[in-house]
C-alpha atoms as a PDB file:
ATOM      1  CA  MET A   1     -15.631 -60.613 -53.323  1.00  0.00           C
ATOM      2  CA  GLU A   2     -14.988 -61.757 -50.160  1.00  0.00           C
ATOM      3  CA  VAL A   3     -17.140 -62.925 -46.968  1.00  0.00           C
ATOM      4  CA  VAL A   4     -16.585 -63.344 -43.541  1.00  0.00           C
ATOM      5  CA  ARG A   5     -18.606 -64.336 -40.491  1.00  0.00           C
ATOM      6  CA  THR A   6     -16.548 -62.916 -37.836  1.00  0.00           C
ATOM      7  CA  ILE A   7     -15.443 -59.571 -36.750  1.00  0.00           C
ATOM      8  CA  GLU A   8     -12.021 -60.290 -36.652  1.00  0.00           C
ATOM      9  CA  ALA A   9     -11.971 -61.239 -40.122  1.00  0.00           C
ATOM     10  CA  LEU A  10     -13.841 -58.415 -40.988  1.00  0.00           C
ATOM     11  CA  ARG A  11     -10.904 -55.861 -39.319  1.00  0.00           C
ATOM     12  CA  ALA A  12      -8.565 -57.885 -41.322  1.00  0.00           C
ATOM     13  CA  ALA A  13      -9.872 -57.673 -44.622  1.00  0.00           C
ATOM     14  CA  VAL A  14     -10.664 -53.956 -44.345  1.00  0.00           C
ATOM     15  CA  ALA A  15      -7.179 -53.241 -42.753  1.00  0.00           C
ATOM     16  CA  ALA A  16      -5.523 -54.872 -45.369  1.00  0.00           C
ATOM     17  CA  ALA A  17      -7.547 -52.540 -48.181  1.00  0.00           C
ATOM     18  CA  LYS A  18      -6.719 -49.801 -46.268  1.00  0.00           C
ATOM     19  CA  SER A  19      -3.600 -50.539 -46.511  1.00  0.00           C
ATOM     20  CA  GLU A  20      -3.633 -49.743 -49.945  1.00  0.00           C
ATOM     21  CA  GLY A  21      -4.742 -47.083 -49.773  1.00  0.00           C
ATOM     22  CA  LYS A  22      -8.527 -47.846 -50.662  1.00  0.00           C
ATOM     23  CA  THR A  23     -11.338 -45.660 -49.156  1.00  0.00           C
ATOM     24  CA  VAL A  24     -14.020 -47.974 -47.340  1.00  0.00           C
ATOM     25  CA  GLY A  25     -17.547 -47.459 -47.774  1.00  0.00           C
ATOM     26  CA  LEU A  26     -20.516 -49.330 -45.470  1.00  0.00           C
ATOM     27  CA  VAL A  27     -24.116 -50.398 -46.794  1.00  0.00           C
ATOM     28  CA  PRO A  28     -25.410 -51.816 -43.662  1.00  0.00           C
ATOM     29  CA  THR A  29     -28.110 -54.155 -44.571  1.00  0.00           C
ATOM     30  CA  MET A  30     -30.509 -57.083 -43.163  1.00  0.00           C
ATOM     31  CA  GLY A  31     -30.540 -58.663 -46.474  1.00  0.00           C
ATOM     32  CA  ALA A  32     -33.449 -59.477 -48.958  1.00  0.00           C
ATOM     33  CA  LEU A  33     -31.765 -56.936 -51.152  1.00  0.00           C
ATOM     34  CA  HIS A  34     -33.219 -55.585 -53.948  1.00  0.00           C
ATOM     35  CA  GLN A  35     -32.783 -52.443 -56.845  1.00  0.00           C
ATOM     36  CA  GLY A  36     -33.450 -49.834 -53.602  1.00  0.00           C
ATOM     37  CA  HIS A  37     -30.059 -51.783 -51.373  1.00  0.00           C
ATOM     38  CA  LEU A  38     -28.016 -51.945 -55.033  1.00  0.00           C
ATOM     39  CA  SER A  39     -28.309 -47.861 -55.367  1.00  0.00           C
ATOM     40  CA  LEU A  40     -26.973 -47.596 -51.866  1.00  0.00           C
ATOM     41  CA  ILE A  41     -23.912 -50.040 -53.324  1.00  0.00           C
ATOM     42  CA  GLU A  42     -23.237 -48.109 -56.651  1.00  0.00           C
ATOM     43  CA  ARG A  43     -23.418 -44.951 -54.546  1.00  0.00           C
ATOM     44  CA  SER A  44     -20.524 -46.599 -52.800  1.00  0.00           C
ATOM     45  CA  LYS A  45     -18.788 -47.858 -55.780  1.00  0.00           C
ATOM     46  CA  GLU A  46     -18.962 -44.215 -56.938  1.00  0.00           C
ATOM     47  CA  MET A  47     -17.810 -42.934 -54.301  1.00  0.00           C
ATOM     48  CA  ASP A  48     -15.077 -45.132 -52.387  1.00  0.00           C
ATOM     49  CA  SER A  49     -12.637 -47.954 -53.506  1.00  0.00           C
ATOM     50  CA  PHE A  50     -13.795 -50.694 -50.880  1.00  0.00           C
ATOM     51  CA  THR A  51     -17.385 -51.563 -50.275  1.00  0.00           C
ATOM     52  CA  VAL A  52     -18.190 -53.445 -47.303  1.00  0.00           C
ATOM     53  CA  VAL A  53     -22.047 -54.395 -47.371  1.00  0.00           C
ATOM     54  CA  SER A  54     -23.049 -55.896 -43.753  1.00  0.00           C
ATOM     55  CA  ILE A  55     -26.019 -58.199 -44.439  1.00  0.00           C
ATOM     56  CA  PHE A  56     -27.330 -59.172 -40.983  1.00  0.00           C
ATOM     57  CA  VAL A  57     -31.476 -59.315 -39.657  1.00  0.00           C
ATOM     58  CA  ASN A  58     -30.862 -57.476 -36.512  1.00  0.00           C
ATOM     59  CA  PRO A  59     -32.915 -59.189 -33.848  1.00  0.00           C
ATOM     60  CA  THR A  60     -32.551 -56.172 -31.111  1.00  0.00           C
ATOM     61  CA  GLN A  61     -34.834 -53.851 -33.617  1.00  0.00           C
ATOM     62  CA  PHE A  62     -37.614 -56.478 -33.878  1.00  0.00           C
ATOM     63  CA  GLY A  63     -40.357 -55.795 -31.212  1.00  0.00           C
ATOM     64  CA  PRO A  64     -41.972 -58.791 -29.468  1.00  0.00           C
ATOM     65  CA  ALA A  65     -44.898 -58.919 -32.301  1.00  0.00           C
ATOM     66  CA  GLU A  66     -42.837 -57.937 -35.649  1.00  0.00           C
ATOM     67  CA  ASP A  67     -41.522 -60.167 -38.315  1.00  0.00           C
ATOM     68  CA  PHE A  68     -38.406 -60.968 -36.690  1.00  0.00           C
ATOM     69  CA  THR A  69     -38.527 -65.295 -36.946  1.00  0.00           C
ATOM     70  CA  ARG A  70     -40.536 -64.950 -40.694  1.00  0.00           C
ATOM     71  CA  TYR A  71     -37.965 -62.103 -42.862  1.00  0.00           C
ATOM     72  CA  PRO A  72     -36.603 -63.057 -45.516  1.00  0.00           C
ATOM     73  CA  ARG A  73     -32.782 -63.998 -45.766  1.00  0.00           C
ATOM     74  CA  PRO A  74     -32.042 -65.565 -49.258  1.00  0.00           C
ATOM     75  CA  PHE A  75     -28.257 -65.477 -48.669  1.00  0.00           C
ATOM     76  CA  GLU A  76     -27.004 -66.868 -51.747  1.00  0.00           C
ATOM     77  CA  VAL A  77     -29.315 -64.931 -54.121  1.00  0.00           C
ATOM     78  CA  ASP A  78     -27.733 -61.520 -51.880  1.00  0.00           C
ATOM     79  CA  ALA A  79     -24.576 -63.014 -52.288  1.00  0.00           C
ATOM     80  CA  GLU A  80     -25.186 -63.054 -56.045  1.00  0.00           C
ATOM     81  CA  LYS A  81     -26.192 -59.640 -56.329  1.00  0.00           C
ATOM     82  CA  CYS A  82     -23.465 -58.219 -54.348  1.00  0.00           C
ATOM     83  CA  ARG A  83     -20.995 -59.746 -56.531  1.00  0.00           C
ATOM     84  CA  LYS A  84     -22.640 -58.491 -59.517  1.00  0.00           C
ATOM     85  CA  ALA A  85     -22.972 -54.925 -58.539  1.00  0.00           C
ATOM     86  CA  GLY A  86     -18.997 -54.881 -57.527  1.00  0.00           C
ATOM     87  CA  VAL A  87     -19.088 -55.602 -54.079  1.00  0.00           C
ATOM     88  CA  ASP A  88     -15.647 -56.080 -52.499  1.00  0.00           C
ATOM     89  CA  LEU A  89     -16.774 -57.936 -48.836  1.00  0.00           C
ATOM     90  CA  ILE A  90     -19.946 -59.141 -47.141  1.00  0.00           C
ATOM     91  CA  PHE A  91     -19.866 -58.991 -43.582  1.00  0.00           C
ATOM     92  CA  ALA A  92     -22.742 -61.915 -42.811  1.00  0.00           C
ATOM     93  CA  PRO A  93     -22.104 -62.653 -39.240  1.00  0.00           C
ATOM     94  CA  LEU A  94     -24.194 -64.900 -36.806  1.00  0.00           C
ATOM     95  CA  VAL A  95     -26.638 -63.164 -33.469  1.00  0.00           C
ATOM     96  CA  GLU A  96     -23.726 -64.998 -31.426  1.00  0.00           C
ATOM     97  CA  GLU A  97     -20.633 -62.519 -32.855  1.00  0.00           C
ATOM     98  CA  VAL A  98     -22.931 -59.526 -32.942  1.00  0.00           C
ATOM     99  CA  TYR A  99     -24.053 -60.074 -29.387  1.00  0.00           C
ATOM    100  CA  PRO A 100     -22.325 -62.531 -27.373  1.00  0.00           C
ATOM    101  CA  GLU A 101     -23.282 -64.338 -24.363  1.00  0.00           C
ATOM    102  CA  GLY A 102     -23.785 -61.479 -21.576  1.00  0.00           C
ATOM    103  CA  PHE A 103     -23.984 -58.706 -23.966  1.00  0.00           C
ATOM    104  CA  ALA A 104     -25.860 -55.873 -22.240  1.00  0.00           C
ATOM    105  CA  THR A 105     -24.569 -52.336 -23.930  1.00  0.00           C
ATOM    106  CA  TYR A 106     -27.034 -50.624 -26.012  1.00  0.00           C
ATOM    107  CA  VAL A 107     -27.127 -46.762 -27.472  1.00  0.00           C
ATOM    108  CA  GLU A 108     -30.065 -44.457 -26.876  1.00  0.00           C
ATOM    109  CA  VAL A 109     -30.127 -41.794 -29.388  1.00  0.00           C
ATOM    110  CA  GLY A 110     -32.536 -38.774 -28.014  1.00  0.00           C
ATOM    111  CA  GLY A 111     -35.114 -36.400 -29.407  1.00  0.00           C
ATOM    112  CA  VAL A 112     -35.601 -38.390 -33.101  1.00  0.00           C
ATOM    113  CA  THR A 113     -36.678 -41.917 -31.525  1.00  0.00           C
ATOM    114  CA  GLU A 114     -39.671 -40.409 -30.069  1.00  0.00           C
ATOM    115  CA  MET A 115     -41.998 -39.746 -32.674  1.00  0.00           C
ATOM    116  CA  LEU A 116     -43.240 -41.972 -35.686  1.00  0.00           C
ATOM    117  CA  GLU A 117     -41.678 -45.172 -36.318  1.00  0.00           C
ATOM    118  CA  GLY A 118     -40.567 -44.592 -32.375  1.00  0.00           C
ATOM    119  CA  ALA A 119     -43.822 -44.262 -30.960  1.00  0.00           C
ATOM    120  CA  TYR A 120     -45.677 -47.474 -32.474  1.00  0.00           C
ATOM    121  CA  ARG A 121     -42.350 -49.507 -32.312  1.00  0.00           C
ATOM    122  CA  PRO A 122     -40.523 -49.293 -28.894  1.00  0.00           C
ATOM    123  CA  GLY A 123     -37.186 -50.164 -29.141  1.00  0.00           C
ATOM    124  CA  HIS A 124     -36.759 -50.135 -32.808  1.00  0.00           C
ATOM    125  CA  PHE A 125     -34.087 -47.068 -32.954  1.00  0.00           C
ATOM    126  CA  ARG A 126     -32.124 -48.744 -29.817  1.00  0.00           C
ATOM    127  CA  GLY A 127     -31.695 -51.971 -31.761  1.00  0.00           C
ATOM    128  CA  VAL A 128     -31.013 -49.937 -34.777  1.00  0.00           C
ATOM    129  CA  ALA A 129     -28.411 -47.520 -33.036  1.00  0.00           C
ATOM    130  CA  THR A 130     -26.938 -50.055 -31.250  1.00  0.00           C
ATOM    131  CA  VAL A 131     -25.970 -52.766 -33.553  1.00  0.00           C
ATOM    132  CA  VAL A 132     -24.903 -49.322 -36.305  1.00  0.00           C
ATOM    133  CA  LEU A 133     -22.797 -48.721 -34.168  1.00  0.00           C
ATOM    134  CA  LYS A 134     -21.009 -52.147 -33.413  1.00  0.00           C
ATOM    135  CA  LEU A 135     -20.823 -52.121 -37.675  1.00  0.00           C
ATOM    136  CA  PHE A 136     -19.574 -48.869 -37.264  1.00  0.00           C
ATOM    137  CA  THR A 137     -16.975 -49.747 -34.747  1.00  0.00           C
ATOM    138  CA  ALA A 138     -15.675 -52.919 -36.420  1.00  0.00           C
ATOM    139  CA  VAL A 139     -15.407 -51.301 -40.010  1.00  0.00           C
ATOM    140  CA  GLU A 140     -14.299 -47.753 -39.363  1.00  0.00           C
ATOM    141  CA  PRO A 141     -15.741 -46.967 -42.876  1.00  0.00           C
ATOM    142  CA  LYS A 142     -15.003 -43.173 -44.297  1.00  0.00           C
ATOM    143  CA  ARG A 143     -18.772 -43.010 -45.411  1.00  0.00           C
ATOM    144  CA  ALA A 144     -21.976 -45.268 -44.720  1.00  0.00           C
ATOM    145  CA  TYR A 145     -24.954 -45.392 -46.926  1.00  0.00           C
ATOM    146  CA  PHE A 146     -28.891 -44.756 -45.636  1.00  0.00           C
ATOM    147  CA  GLY A 147     -31.296 -44.635 -48.206  1.00  0.00           C
ATOM    148  CA  MET A 148     -33.622 -41.866 -47.431  1.00  0.00           C
ATOM    149  CA  LYS A 149     -37.340 -44.636 -47.604  1.00  0.00           C
ATOM    150  CA  ASP A 150     -35.642 -45.045 -43.541  1.00  0.00           C
ATOM    151  CA  TYR A 151     -35.872 -41.439 -43.215  1.00  0.00           C
ATOM    152  CA  GLN A 152     -36.373 -41.640 -39.551  1.00  0.00           C
ATOM    153  CA  GLN A 153     -33.668 -44.272 -39.139  1.00  0.00           C
ATOM    154  CA  LEU A 154     -31.349 -42.079 -41.616  1.00  0.00           C
ATOM    155  CA  LYS A 155     -31.990 -38.728 -38.850  1.00  0.00           C
ATOM    156  CA  VAL A 156     -31.272 -41.432 -35.841  1.00  0.00           C
ATOM    157  CA  ILE A 157     -27.767 -41.952 -36.854  1.00  0.00           C
ATOM    158  CA  GLN A 158     -27.138 -38.735 -38.336  1.00  0.00           C
ATOM    159  CA  LYS A 159     -26.927 -37.595 -34.631  1.00  0.00           C
ATOM    160  CA  MET A 160     -25.711 -40.590 -33.705  1.00  0.00           C
ATOM    161  CA  VAL A 161     -22.402 -39.763 -35.345  1.00  0.00           C
ATOM    162  CA  ARG A 162     -23.071 -36.268 -34.645  1.00  0.00           C
ATOM    163  CA  ASP A 163     -23.502 -36.435 -30.931  1.00  0.00           C
ATOM    164  CA  LEU A 164     -20.520 -39.465 -29.974  1.00  0.00           C
ATOM    165  CA  ASN A 165     -18.100 -37.253 -32.583  1.00  0.00           C
ATOM    166  CA  LEU A 166     -17.962 -40.251 -35.143  1.00  0.00           C
ATOM    167  CA  ASN A 167     -15.048 -39.694 -37.958  1.00  0.00           C
ATOM    168  CA  ILE A 168     -17.758 -40.850 -40.697  1.00  0.00           C
ATOM    169  CA  GLU A 169     -19.138 -39.788 -43.547  1.00  0.00           C
ATOM    170  CA  ILE A 170     -23.616 -40.169 -43.559  1.00  0.00           C
ATOM    171  CA  VAL A 171     -24.404 -40.366 -47.179  1.00  0.00           C
ATOM    172  CA  PRO A 172     -28.004 -40.624 -47.741  1.00  0.00           C
ATOM    173  CA  VAL A 173     -29.965 -41.705 -51.017  1.00  0.00           C
ATOM    174  CA  PRO A 174     -32.676 -40.922 -52.600  1.00  0.00           C
ATOM    175  CA  THR A 175     -36.091 -43.816 -52.221  1.00  0.00           C
ATOM    176  CA  PHE A 176     -35.780 -46.261 -54.996  1.00  0.00           C
ATOM    177  CA  ARG A 177     -39.550 -46.730 -55.943  1.00  0.00           C
ATOM    178  CA  GLU A 178     -41.010 -49.329 -58.989  1.00  0.00           C
ATOM    179  CA  PRO A 179     -42.142 -48.406 -62.135  1.00  0.00           C
ATOM    180  CA  ASP A 180     -45.318 -47.042 -60.420  1.00  0.00           C
ATOM    181  CA  GLY A 181     -44.591 -45.257 -57.577  1.00  0.00           C
ATOM    182  CA  LEU A 182     -44.276 -48.202 -54.736  1.00  0.00           C
ATOM    183  CA  ALA A 183     -41.070 -47.697 -52.293  1.00  0.00           C
ATOM    184  CA  MET A 184     -38.832 -50.477 -52.817  1.00  0.00           C
ATOM    185  CA  SER A 185     -38.916 -52.762 -49.665  1.00  0.00           C
ATOM    186  CA  SER A 186     -37.787 -55.967 -49.023  1.00  0.00           C
ATOM    187  CA  ARG A 187     -41.148 -56.667 -47.155  1.00  0.00           C
ATOM    188  CA  ASN A 188     -43.215 -55.494 -50.401  1.00  0.00           C
ATOM    189  CA  ALA A 189     -42.258 -59.973 -50.997  1.00  0.00           C
ATOM    190  CA  TYR A 190     -45.143 -60.241 -48.112  1.00  0.00           C
ATOM    191  CA  LEU A 191     -48.035 -58.644 -49.728  1.00  0.00           C
ATOM    192  CA  ASN A 192     -50.061 -60.705 -52.593  1.00  0.00           C
ATOM    193  CA  PRO A 193     -51.086 -59.238 -55.770  1.00  0.00           C
ATOM    194  CA  GLU A 194     -54.545 -57.137 -54.760  1.00  0.00           C
ATOM    195  CA  GLU A 195     -52.170 -56.370 -51.721  1.00  0.00           C
ATOM    196  CA  ARG A 196     -49.566 -55.118 -53.616  1.00  0.00           C
ATOM    197  CA  GLN A 197     -52.537 -52.814 -55.712  1.00  0.00           C
ATOM    198  CA  ALA A 198     -53.767 -51.562 -52.408  1.00  0.00           C
ATOM    199  CA  ALA A 199     -50.448 -50.093 -51.332  1.00  0.00           C
ATOM    200  CA  LEU A 200     -50.215 -48.134 -53.701  1.00  0.00           C
ATOM    201  CA  CYS A 201     -52.382 -45.664 -51.852  1.00  0.00           C
ATOM    202  CA  LEU A 202     -49.128 -44.673 -50.065  1.00  0.00           C
ATOM    203  CA  TYR A 203     -47.757 -42.992 -52.795  1.00  0.00           C
ATOM    204  CA  ARG A 204     -50.831 -41.797 -54.219  1.00  0.00           C
ATOM    205  CA  ALA A 205     -51.487 -39.999 -50.699  1.00  0.00           C
ATOM    206  CA  LEU A 206     -47.638 -38.796 -50.666  1.00  0.00           C
ATOM    207  CA  ASN A 207     -48.255 -37.053 -54.283  1.00  0.00           C
ATOM    208  CA  ILE A 208     -51.901 -35.358 -52.670  1.00  0.00           C
ATOM    209  CA  ALA A 209     -49.836 -34.083 -49.792  1.00  0.00           C
ATOM    210  CA  ARG A 210     -47.707 -32.574 -52.452  1.00  0.00           C
ATOM    211  CA  GLU A 211     -49.980 -31.580 -55.124  1.00  0.00           C
ATOM    212  CA  ALA A 212     -51.789 -29.496 -52.233  1.00  0.00           C
ATOM    213  CA  VAL A 213     -48.638 -27.603 -50.726  1.00  0.00           C
ATOM    214  CA  ASP A 214     -47.601 -26.884 -54.424  1.00  0.00           C
ATOM    215  CA  ALA A 215     -51.163 -25.650 -55.419  1.00  0.00           C
ATOM    216  CA  GLY A 216     -50.455 -22.950 -52.204  1.00  0.00           C
ATOM    217  CA  GLU A 217     -52.017 -24.895 -49.263  1.00  0.00           C
ATOM    218  CA  ARG A 218     -49.816 -23.660 -46.079  1.00  0.00           C
ATOM    219  CA  ASN A 219     -51.713 -25.351 -43.476  1.00  0.00           C
ATOM    220  CA  ALA A 220     -50.057 -28.372 -42.553  1.00  0.00           C
ATOM    221  CA  GLU A 221     -53.181 -30.557 -40.824  1.00  0.00           C
ATOM    222  CA  THR A 222     -55.334 -29.822 -44.373  1.00  0.00           C
ATOM    223  CA  VAL A 223     -52.092 -31.044 -45.793  1.00  0.00           C
ATOM    224  CA  ARG A 224     -52.184 -34.215 -43.681  1.00  0.00           C
ATOM    225  CA  GLN A 225     -55.580 -34.708 -43.945  1.00  0.00           C
ATOM    226  CA  LYS A 226     -55.838 -34.948 -47.504  1.00  0.00           C
ATOM    227  CA  ALA A 227     -52.922 -37.608 -47.511  1.00  0.00           C
ATOM    228  CA  LEU A 228     -54.855 -39.481 -44.902  1.00  0.00           C
ATOM    229  CA  ASP A 229     -58.018 -39.266 -46.826  1.00  0.00           C
ATOM    230  CA  VAL A 230     -56.048 -41.455 -49.757  1.00  0.00           C
ATOM    231  CA  ILE A 231     -55.148 -44.082 -47.132  1.00  0.00           C
ATOM    232  CA  GLN A 232     -58.566 -44.244 -45.523  1.00  0.00           C
ATOM    233  CA  SER A 233     -60.207 -44.642 -49.127  1.00  0.00           C
ATOM    234  CA  GLU A 234     -58.682 -47.889 -49.769  1.00  0.00           C
ATOM    235  CA  PRO A 235     -60.101 -50.679 -48.298  1.00  0.00           C
ATOM    236  CA  LEU A 236     -57.283 -53.321 -47.239  1.00  0.00           C
ATOM    237  CA  ALA A 237     -55.405 -50.073 -45.870  1.00  0.00           C
ATOM    238  CA  LYS A 238     -54.908 -49.457 -42.110  1.00  0.00           C
ATOM    239  CA  PRO A 239     -52.857 -46.302 -41.506  1.00  0.00           C
ATOM    240  CA  ASP A 240     -50.929 -45.649 -38.452  1.00  0.00           C
ATOM    241  CA  TYR A 241     -49.705 -43.117 -38.665  1.00  0.00           C
ATOM    242  CA  VAL A 242     -49.764 -39.747 -41.208  1.00  0.00           C
ATOM    243  CA  ALA A 243     -47.780 -36.699 -40.439  1.00  0.00           C
ATOM    244  CA  VAL A 244     -46.377 -33.589 -41.725  1.00  0.00           C
ATOM    245  CA  VAL A 245     -43.366 -32.704 -39.146  1.00  0.00           C
ATOM    246  CA  ASP A 246     -40.265 -31.116 -39.849  1.00  0.00           C
ATOM    247  CA  PRO A 247     -37.437 -32.670 -41.647  1.00  0.00           C
ATOM    248  CA  GLU A 248     -34.664 -32.187 -39.137  1.00  0.00           C
ATOM    249  CA  THR A 249     -36.426 -32.152 -35.742  1.00  0.00           C
ATOM    250  CA  LEU A 250     -39.525 -35.021 -36.655  1.00  0.00           C
ATOM    251  CA  MET A 251     -41.868 -32.590 -34.727  1.00  0.00           C
ATOM    252  CA  PRO A 252     -45.162 -31.479 -36.273  1.00  0.00           C
ATOM    253  CA  VAL A 253     -45.135 -28.443 -37.925  1.00  0.00           C
ATOM    254  CA  ASP A 254     -49.168 -26.436 -38.486  1.00  0.00           C
ATOM    255  CA  CYS A 255     -47.593 -24.612 -41.627  1.00  0.00           C
ATOM    256  CA  VAL A 256     -45.663 -25.393 -44.074  1.00  0.00           C
ATOM    257  CA  ASP A 257     -43.711 -22.597 -44.739  1.00  0.00           C
ATOM    258  CA  GLY A 258     -40.762 -24.172 -45.872  1.00  0.00           C
ATOM    259  CA  PRO A 259     -39.803 -28.082 -46.879  1.00  0.00           C
ATOM    260  CA  VAL A 260     -41.818 -30.800 -44.843  1.00  0.00           C
ATOM    261  CA  LEU A 261     -41.232 -34.365 -44.629  1.00  0.00           C
ATOM    262  CA  VAL A 262     -45.150 -36.045 -45.052  1.00  0.00           C
ATOM    263  CA  ALA A 263     -44.166 -39.431 -43.563  1.00  0.00           C
ATOM    264  CA  LEU A 264     -46.606 -42.361 -43.459  1.00  0.00           C
ATOM    265  CA  ALA A 265     -46.986 -45.849 -41.982  1.00  0.00           C
ATOM    266  CA  VAL A 266     -49.902 -48.079 -43.383  1.00  0.00           C
ATOM    267  CA  ARG A 267     -50.969 -51.307 -42.915  1.00  0.00           C
ATOM    268  CA  ILE A 268     -51.418 -53.637 -45.822  1.00  0.00           C
ATOM    269  CA  GLY A 269     -53.061 -56.620 -44.747  1.00  0.00           C
ATOM    270  CA  ASN A 270     -50.123 -57.989 -42.283  1.00  0.00           C
ATOM    271  CA  THR A 271     -47.717 -56.191 -44.182  1.00  0.00           C
ATOM    272  CA  ARG A 272     -46.238 -53.045 -42.783  1.00  0.00           C
ATOM    273  CA  LEU A 273     -45.070 -50.400 -44.689  1.00  0.00           C
ATOM    274  CA  ILE A 274     -43.687 -46.959 -44.647  1.00  0.00           C
ATOM    275  CA  ASP A 275     -42.857 -44.214 -47.198  1.00  0.00           C
ATOM    276  CA  ASN A 276     -42.217 -40.690 -46.751  1.00  0.00           C
ATOM    277  CA  MET A 277     -41.734 -37.196 -49.080  1.00  0.00           C
ATOM    278  CA  LEU A 278     -39.628 -34.274 -48.252  1.00  0.00           C
ATOM    279  CA  ILE A 279     -42.341 -31.188 -50.052  1.00  0.00           C
ATOM    280  CA  GLY A 280     -42.339 -27.754 -50.222  1.00  0.00           C
ATOM    281  CA  GLY A 281     -40.361 -24.438 -50.162  1.00  0.00           C
ATOM    282  CA  GLN A 282     -40.365 -20.896 -49.386  1.00  0.00           C
ATOM    283  CA  SER A 283     -43.918 -19.877 -49.460  1.00  0.00           C
END
């Protein structure tokens, strides 16, 4: 496994792999790798013959009051996990390599960025889209792999690829959960034992919404309220939003007459967690 720090070295390594007829898969990460990330790597290993993992804590997707400085950066641990998983190349640049002096070009994806996370984290998806496009142009992978826990991010990337005619297949990978249902997240490391237990309310809320729909409930606001009640019953939990939305447009729906996405963001103590679940079907 090779580790490179510059875009020039990255391009050279990828070009060498392609010259051998290998197909390139890209797994973009911010490090602090967990089993969810490893599931993306596993999928890339299944579908492509050369896997690139980027490890870069991207400053442009953090707001002024967010956790950029304390975001975990255990690079040596991450590199060992990648080595064991069979990763071929790690791209781990410095901030100055990605955003050199004078950098002033950003990607704005409209239509799926204004709601949910976009409403609570202004500028977040501009930062995500910009860094991902830079990774795409540097690596030029055949496929790139994104987890469905960050569902809105997935939709933003899919729309960017579609709108800009990028020749890259975006492969969604299902959310990887702990045995008790908590979605894997690098931010789970911030939770103390009491908060870790309280965080289970996210998964309980999603399941309550699913069970309501499975039982025949079709009023989206009723479904939303049932999920919200679960969150609000946990003293350590403060919801930013609980929403029932169209899985493609991410706009709120009134009636669950087909698949919908239940999405939520909840603060457990000082830690903000997100989760979602696709539920519903034909009425």
